[in-house]
Amino acid sequence: MTDRELDAAGIHDPALRADYRHCRALNARHGRTYFLATRLLPVARRPAVHALYGFARWADDIVDALGADQDPGRRVAALTALQEELDRGLRRGGSDEPVVRALADTARRYAIDPAHFHDFMAAMRSDLVVTDYPAYADLRAYMHGSAAVIGLQMLPVLGTVAPREEAAPYAAALGVAFQLTNFLRDVGEDLDRGRIYLPGDLLAAHGVDRDLLHRSRDTGRPDPRITAALREFEALTRGVYREAAPGIALLEPVSRPCIRTAAVLYGGILDAVARDGYAVLHHRAAVSRRRRAAVAAEGLARVAAARLRHRDAARARPPAPPVPSAARAPAAHRTVTEEAV
């Protein structure tokens, strides 16, 4: 975390600054697309996004990084400990864990509903016991906690030009679209962990089952039935992006370039999967560095345009009447909602 970001966010306590820096490092190391898009936010808002990502990454690592061959009880115990730490952190505003301290501070600063974090943890716990989803409705129910609430957590940080409840369904849908994209990209890796996130009824409609997926994964041979199922899942995912798209206009202008860039970059993963012939059982598709750089450059141009519009609008406003000297208050620290682009 840069000093500039922390100063702009009004985070001055040395220990808390270290906590946020830790979360930023997690984002930079594990979330290349997400981290790149976050760089387009006003500097004062970036620490909060890193804290939200850092917590989600930590919980996800407990579920996945310990490996399917590890004692399931170890993962249950780790998630239970994290849940207890989260509860304490949100209740008293602090924690013994750096990531939870940063998260609790962000939740307080932006008045994020604690229910979003509890729903997320419930989805993480379900990953320890649920290995497939019979229908898309079942998958969407799971993704409320694993993805939709991430969008809802982000909304207070991004800010809206409409009532928050109006923007919320679109933010939730974009979180779902991002996760569906990850599910498509990671079919092979998830299968190795014993999980299938493609709806069972969609697979069955193309004659695909778990055995066929394993056989293709093990032999490296594609199968037209699997390709057809993956193509349909891609189309379903693109539909959710279209569902979410109107919500970008409901965000504060300075936040729109970040979210638009994230949507383009994640959508680019779908393009890469299609270009690779839906070979996700055999290798992971990725957006090239050149493409990421080009999209980021476009996002930076949008940031610059939003900054100019913001400044022009500020100049066009008539000056405020002078405040009598007796009524003047001492200057306050810059708040997290003020823009520092």
Protein backbone atom coordinates (compact mmCIF):
# COMPACT_ATOMS: atom_id res chain seq x y z
CA MET A 1 0.00 0.00 0.00
CA THR A 2 1.48 3.34 -0.95
CA ASP A 3 1.67 6.11 1.63
CA ARG A 4 -0.29 8.29 -0.77
CA GLU A 5 -3.24 5.89 -0.78
CA LEU A 6 -3.22 5.47 2.99
CA ASP A 7 -2.87 9.19 3.63
CA ALA A 8 -5.72 9.98 1.23
CA ALA A 9 -7.92 7.40 2.96
CA GLY A 10 -7.24 8.94 6.36
CA ILE A 11 -5.52 5.80 7.69
CA HIS A 12 -2.81 7.05 10.03
CA ASP A 13 -2.33 4.36 12.69
CA PRO A 14 0.98 2.57 11.88
CA ALA A 15 -0.33 -0.92 12.71
CA LEU A 16 -3.47 -0.43 10.64
CA ARG A 17 -1.41 0.89 7.74
CA ALA A 18 0.62 -2.33 7.87
CA ASP A 19 -2.61 -4.36 7.81
CA TYR A 20 -3.80 -2.60 4.67
CA ARG A 21 -0.41 -3.04 3.03
CA HIS A 22 -0.69 -6.78 3.68
CA CYS A 23 -4.09 -6.87 1.97
CA ARG A 24 -2.74 -4.93 -0.99
CA ALA A 25 0.06 -7.47 -1.37
CA LEU A 26 -2.50 -10.29 -1.46
CA ASN A 27 -4.43 -8.48 -4.17
CA ALA A 28 -1.31 -7.79 -6.24
CA ARG A 29 -0.10 -11.40 -5.96
CA HIS A 30 -3.33 -13.30 -6.55
CA GLY A 31 -5.78 -10.99 -8.33
CA ARG A 32 -3.99 -9.59 -11.37
CA THR A 33 -7.16 -8.52 -13.19
CA TYR A 34 -8.82 -7.21 -10.04
CA PHE A 35 -5.68 -5.40 -8.91
CA LEU A 36 -5.19 -3.72 -12.28
CA ALA A 37 -8.77 -2.43 -12.29
CA THR A 38 -8.43 -1.20 -8.69
CA ARG A 39 -5.57 1.05 -9.80
CA LEU A 40 -8.16 3.11 -11.69
CA LEU A 41 -10.05 4.07 -8.53
CA PRO A 42 -9.42 7.32 -6.67
CA VAL A 43 -6.49 6.69 -4.36
CA ALA A 44 -8.57 7.24 -1.21
CA ARG A 45 -10.81 4.29 -2.05
CA ARG A 46 -8.20 1.73 -3.00
CA PRO A 47 -7.28 0.57 0.53
CA ALA A 48 -10.88 -0.46 1.20
CA VAL A 49 -11.00 -2.55 -1.97
CA HIS A 50 -7.73 -4.24 -1.03
CA ALA A 51 -9.13 -5.08 2.42
CA LEU A 52 -12.28 -6.61 0.93
CA TYR A 53 -10.24 -8.63 -1.56
CA GLY A 54 -7.70 -9.70 1.06
CA PHE A 55 -10.37 -11.19 3.29
CA ALA A 56 -12.09 -13.01 0.41
CA ARG A 57 -8.73 -14.34 -0.77
CA TRP A 58 -7.85 -15.64 2.70
CA ALA A 59 -11.14 -17.51 3.08
CA ASP A 60 -10.89 -18.91 -0.44
CA ASP A 61 -7.36 -20.13 0.21
CA ILE A 62 -8.57 -22.05 3.26
CA VAL A 63 -11.09 -23.84 1.06
CA ASP A 64 -8.77 -24.46 -1.90
CA ALA A 65 -5.09 -24.01 -1.13
CA LEU A 66 -4.98 -26.64 1.62
CA GLY A 67 -5.87 -29.14 -1.07
CA ALA A 68 -8.54 -31.79 -1.40
CA ASP A 69 -6.13 -34.37 -0.02
CA GLN A 70 -5.87 -32.54 3.30
CA ASP A 71 -7.82 -33.57 6.36
CA PRO A 72 -11.29 -31.99 5.89
CA GLY A 73 -11.42 -31.34 9.62
CA ARG A 74 -8.41 -29.05 9.29
CA ARG A 75 -10.22 -26.87 6.77
CA VAL A 76 -13.41 -26.83 8.84
CA ALA A 77 -11.41 -25.75 11.88
CA ALA A 78 -9.62 -23.03 9.91
CA LEU A 79 -12.89 -21.62 8.55
CA THR A 80 -14.48 -21.77 12.00
CA ALA A 81 -11.55 -19.87 13.46
CA LEU A 82 -11.81 -17.27 10.71
CA GLN A 83 -15.56 -16.91 11.31
CA GLU A 84 -14.97 -16.34 15.02
CA GLU A 85 -12.25 -13.79 14.29
CA LEU A 86 -14.56 -12.05 11.81
CA ASP A 87 -17.38 -11.88 14.37
CA ARG A 88 -15.06 -10.39 16.97
CA GLY A 89 -13.59 -7.95 14.49
CA LEU A 90 -16.93 -6.64 13.25
CA ARG A 91 -18.30 -6.46 16.79
CA ARG A 92 -15.43 -4.59 18.43
CA GLY A 93 -13.74 -3.07 15.40
CA GLY A 94 -10.45 -4.90 15.87
CA SER A 95 -8.79 -8.29 15.66
CA ASP A 96 -5.55 -10.15 16.22
CA GLU A 97 -5.38 -10.90 12.48
CA PRO A 98 -4.14 -8.19 10.07
CA VAL A 99 -6.63 -8.99 7.30
CA VAL A 100 -9.60 -8.97 9.67
CA ARG A 101 -8.42 -5.70 11.25
CA ALA A 102 -8.32 -4.03 7.84
CA LEU A 103 -11.68 -5.52 6.89
CA ALA A 104 -13.32 -4.38 10.14
CA ASP A 105 -11.93 -0.88 9.65
CA THR A 106 -13.26 -0.76 6.08
CA ALA A 107 -16.67 -2.07 7.15
CA ARG A 108 -16.89 0.67 9.77
CA ARG A 109 -15.73 3.47 7.48
CA TYR A 110 -18.18 2.58 4.73
CA ALA A 111 -21.04 1.19 6.87
CA ILE A 112 -21.00 -2.14 4.99
CA ASP A 113 -23.75 -4.51 6.11
CA PRO A 114 -22.15 -7.29 8.23
CA ALA A 115 -24.67 -9.75 6.75
CA HIS A 116 -22.70 -9.66 3.48
CA PHE A 117 -19.63 -11.09 5.22
CA HIS A 118 -21.64 -13.76 7.02
CA ASP A 119 -23.31 -14.83 3.76
CA PHE A 120 -19.88 -15.07 2.18
CA MET A 121 -18.59 -17.29 4.96
CA ALA A 122 -21.64 -19.55 4.66
CA ALA A 123 -20.81 -20.07 0.98
CA MET A 124 -17.20 -20.89 1.85
CA ARG A 125 -18.37 -23.51 4.35
CA SER A 126 -20.64 -25.08 1.74
CA ASP A 127 -17.62 -25.55 -0.54
CA LEU A 128 -16.29 -28.07 1.96
CA VAL A 129 -19.27 -30.38 1.51
CA VAL A 130 -21.02 -29.53 -1.78
CA THR A 131 -19.29 -30.86 -4.89
CA ASP A 132 -21.81 -30.11 -7.65
CA TYR A 133 -25.03 -28.25 -8.43
CA PRO A 134 -28.00 -30.02 -10.04
CA ALA A 135 -29.37 -26.91 -11.76
CA TYR A 136 -28.44 -23.31 -12.48
CA ALA A 137 -30.87 -22.12 -9.80
CA ASP A 138 -28.86 -24.10 -7.23
CA LEU A 139 -25.63 -22.54 -8.47
CA ARG A 140 -27.13 -19.03 -8.30
CA ALA A 141 -28.21 -19.65 -4.71
CA TYR A 142 -24.62 -20.59 -3.82
CA MET A 143 -23.25 -17.57 -5.70
CA HIS A 144 -25.33 -15.16 -3.66
CA GLY A 145 -22.85 -15.72 -0.84
CA SER A 146 -19.74 -16.42 -2.87
CA ALA A 147 -20.04 -13.66 -5.49
CA ALA A 148 -23.11 -11.42 -5.34
CA VAL A 149 -22.29 -10.17 -1.85
CA ILE A 150 -18.81 -9.16 -3.05
CA GLY A 151 -20.48 -6.70 -5.40
CA LEU A 152 -22.72 -5.51 -2.57
CA GLN A 153 -19.70 -5.02 -0.28
CA MET A 154 -18.03 -2.93 -2.96
CA LEU A 155 -20.99 -0.67 -3.63
CA PRO A 156 -20.55 1.70 -0.64
CA VAL A 157 -16.87 2.10 -1.56
CA LEU A 158 -17.61 2.86 -5.20
CA GLY A 159 -20.46 5.25 -4.43
CA THR A 160 -23.65 5.70 -6.44
CA VAL A 161 -25.54 8.54 -8.11
CA ALA A 162 -28.84 6.76 -7.44
CA PRO A 163 -30.22 5.22 -4.25
CA ARG A 164 -27.98 2.32 -3.29
CA GLU A 165 -30.85 -0.17 -3.36
CA GLU A 166 -31.40 0.69 -7.03
CA ALA A 167 -27.79 -0.10 -7.92
CA ALA A 168 -27.55 -3.20 -5.70
CA PRO A 169 -29.04 -5.81 -8.11
CA TYR A 170 -26.62 -4.76 -10.84
CA ALA A 171 -23.62 -4.88 -8.48
CA ALA A 172 -24.67 -8.35 -7.35
CA ALA A 173 -25.08 -9.51 -10.96
CA LEU A 174 -21.61 -8.29 -11.90
CA GLY A 175 -20.12 -10.21 -9.00
CA VAL A 176 -21.92 -13.32 -10.29
CA ALA A 177 -20.69 -12.70 -13.85
CA PHE A 178 -17.09 -12.50 -12.64
CA GLN A 179 -17.42 -15.76 -10.74
CA LEU A 180 -19.11 -17.58 -13.62
CA THR A 181 -16.15 -16.50 -15.74
CA ASN A 182 -13.75 -17.98 -13.19
CA PHE A 183 -15.79 -21.19 -13.10
CA LEU A 184 -15.46 -21.57 -16.87
CA ARG A 185 -11.75 -20.78 -16.87
CA ASP A 186 -11.03 -23.14 -13.94
CA VAL A 187 -13.10 -26.21 -14.90
CA GLY A 188 -10.06 -28.47 -14.91
CA GLU A 189 -8.57 -27.21 -11.65
CA ASP A 190 -11.92 -27.39 -9.87
CA LEU A 191 -12.42 -30.94 -11.13
CA ASP A 192 -9.07 -31.87 -9.59
CA ARG A 193 -10.44 -30.58 -6.27
CA GLY A 194 -13.52 -32.76 -6.68
CA ARG A 195 -15.89 -29.90 -7.57
CA ILE A 196 -18.00 -29.12 -10.63
CA TYR A 197 -19.49 -25.65 -10.85
CA LEU A 198 -21.21 -26.22 -14.19
CA PRO A 199 -24.94 -26.91 -13.62
CA GLY A 200 -25.78 -30.59 -13.81
CA ASP A 201 -28.82 -30.08 -16.02
CA LEU A 202 -26.78 -28.06 -18.52
CA LEU A 203 -24.15 -30.80 -18.69
CA ALA A 204 -26.75 -33.56 -18.97
CA ALA A 205 -28.44 -31.78 -21.87
CA HIS A 206 -25.23 -32.35 -23.84
CA GLY A 207 -24.59 -35.88 -22.58
CA VAL A 208 -21.82 -34.83 -20.18
CA ASP A 209 -21.26 -36.24 -16.70
CA ARG A 210 -18.46 -36.29 -14.15
CA ASP A 211 -16.91 -39.45 -15.60
CA LEU A 212 -16.66 -37.92 -19.07
CA LEU A 213 -15.07 -34.76 -17.68
CA HIS A 214 -12.48 -36.83 -15.78
CA ARG A 215 -11.77 -38.95 -18.83
CA SER A 216 -11.13 -35.89 -20.99
CA ARG A 217 -9.02 -34.31 -18.26
CA ASP A 218 -6.94 -37.45 -17.77
CA THR A 219 -6.38 -38.25 -21.44
CA GLY A 220 -6.03 -34.70 -22.74
CA ARG A 221 -8.51 -35.48 -25.50
CA PRO A 222 -11.33 -33.00 -26.24
CA ASP A 223 -14.91 -34.19 -26.61
CA PRO A 224 -17.53 -32.39 -28.73
CA ARG A 225 -20.18 -32.92 -26.05
CA ILE A 226 -18.05 -31.13 -23.47
CA THR A 227 -17.24 -28.34 -25.93
CA ALA A 228 -20.96 -27.80 -26.59
CA ALA A 229 -21.72 -27.66 -22.85
CA LEU A 230 -18.91 -25.18 -22.23
CA ARG A 231 -20.07 -23.03 -25.14
CA GLU A 232 -23.56 -22.88 -23.64
CA PHE A 233 -22.13 -21.98 -20.23
CA GLU A 234 -20.15 -19.17 -21.88
CA ALA A 235 -23.35 -17.83 -23.48
CA LEU A 236 -25.11 -18.00 -20.11
CA THR A 237 -22.26 -16.03 -18.53
CA ARG A 238 -22.35 -13.34 -21.20
CA GLY A 239 -26.05 -12.96 -20.48
CA VAL A 240 -25.26 -12.14 -16.84
CA TYR A 241 -22.76 -9.49 -17.98
CA ARG A 242 -25.57 -7.91 -20.03
CA GLU A 243 -27.81 -8.10 -16.96
CA ALA A 244 -25.21 -6.21 -14.91
CA ALA A 245 -24.15 -3.61 -17.48
CA PRO A 246 -26.78 -0.90 -16.75
CA GLY A 247 -25.49 -0.65 -13.19
CA ILE A 248 -22.21 0.99 -14.21
CA ALA A 249 -24.05 4.22 -15.05
CA LEU A 250 -25.47 4.23 -11.50
CA LEU A 251 -22.00 4.43 -9.95
CA GLU A 252 -20.22 7.66 -9.13
CA PRO A 253 -18.41 8.84 -12.29
CA VAL A 254 -14.95 8.45 -10.73
CA SER A 255 -15.65 4.77 -10.04
CA ARG A 256 -17.04 3.83 -13.44
CA PRO A 257 -13.68 3.41 -15.26
CA CYS A 258 -12.54 0.86 -12.67
CA ILE A 259 -15.65 -1.30 -12.94
CA ARG A 260 -15.94 -0.93 -16.70
CA THR A 261 -12.31 -2.01 -17.05
CA ALA A 262 -12.82 -4.99 -14.75
CA ALA A 263 -15.85 -6.07 -16.81
CA VAL A 264 -13.90 -5.81 -20.07
CA LEU A 265 -10.92 -7.71 -18.66
CA TYR A 266 -13.03 -10.50 -17.19
CA GLY A 267 -15.04 -10.65 -20.40
CA GLY A 268 -11.73 -11.05 -22.18
CA ILE A 269 -11.25 -14.32 -20.31
CA LEU A 270 -14.39 -15.61 -22.05
CA ASP A 271 -12.92 -14.52 -25.37
CA ALA A 272 -9.69 -16.37 -24.57
CA VAL A 273 -11.60 -19.53 -23.65
CA ALA A 274 -13.47 -19.42 -26.97
CA ARG A 275 -10.26 -18.79 -28.94
CA ASP A 276 -8.67 -21.81 -27.27
CA GLY A 277 -11.53 -24.01 -28.43
CA TYR A 278 -12.95 -24.39 -24.89
CA ALA A 279 -9.92 -26.45 -23.85
CA VAL A 280 -10.29 -25.42 -20.19
CA LEU A 281 -10.07 -29.03 -19.03
CA HIS A 282 -6.52 -29.13 -20.33
CA HIS A 283 -5.07 -25.67 -19.67
CA ARG A 284 -6.11 -22.30 -18.28
CA ALA A 285 -7.02 -19.56 -20.75
CA ALA A 286 -5.61 -16.11 -20.00
CA VAL A 287 -5.83 -12.57 -21.32
CA SER A 288 -2.50 -11.50 -22.77
CA ARG A 289 -0.41 -8.83 -21.09
CA ARG A 290 -0.71 -6.69 -24.20
CA ARG A 291 -4.50 -6.86 -24.07
CA ARG A 292 -4.56 -6.09 -20.33
CA ALA A 293 -2.30 -3.10 -20.90
CA ALA A 294 -4.47 -1.79 -23.73
CA VAL A 295 -7.65 -2.07 -21.66
CA ALA A 296 -5.94 -0.43 -18.69
CA ALA A 297 -4.78 2.44 -20.90
CA GLU A 298 -8.34 2.99 -22.06
CA GLY A 299 -9.44 2.96 -18.44
CA LEU A 300 -6.83 5.57 -17.55
CA ALA A 301 -8.17 7.78 -20.34
CA ARG A 302 -11.63 7.47 -18.85
CA VAL A 303 -10.26 8.35 -15.41
CA ALA A 304 -8.62 11.48 -16.84
CA ALA A 305 -11.88 12.48 -18.55
CA ALA A 306 -13.88 11.93 -15.35
CA ARG A 307 -11.35 14.02 -13.41
CA LEU A 308 -11.66 16.88 -15.89
CA ARG A 309 -15.44 16.77 -15.77
CA HIS A 310 -15.32 16.79 -11.97
CA ARG A 311 -13.01 19.81 -11.94
CA ASP A 312 -15.02 21.69 -14.59
CA ALA A 313 -18.21 21.11 -12.61
CA ALA A 314 -16.52 22.36 -9.45
CA ARG A 315 -15.32 25.54 -11.21
CA ALA A 316 -18.81 26.14 -12.60
CA ARG A 317 -20.39 26.14 -9.14
CA PRO A 318 -20.79 29.60 -7.58
CA PRO A 319 -18.47 30.21 -4.62
CA ALA A 320 -19.89 29.53 -1.19
CA PRO A 321 -20.68 32.58 0.93
CA PRO A 322 -17.98 33.45 3.47
CA VAL A 323 -18.29 31.86 6.92
CA PRO A 324 -18.05 34.23 9.87
CA SER A 325 -14.74 33.73 11.65
CA ALA A 326 -16.43 32.79 14.92
CA ALA A 327 -18.24 29.92 13.22
CA ARG A 328 -15.19 28.43 11.52
CA ALA A 329 -14.12 24.98 12.69
CA PRO A 330 -10.56 23.63 12.55
CA ALA A 331 -9.64 21.95 9.30
CA ALA A 332 -10.43 18.24 9.33
CA HIS A 333 -8.52 15.37 7.80
CA ARG A 334 -9.57 14.46 4.28
CA THR A 335 -12.37 11.88 4.48
CA VAL A 336 -12.49 8.64 2.55
CA THR A 337 -15.38 9.93 0.44
CA GLU A 338 -13.47 12.91 -0.89
CA GLU A 339 -11.81 12.42 -4.26
CA ALA A 340 -8.02 12.16 -4.50
CA VAL A 341 -7.50 10.86 -7.99
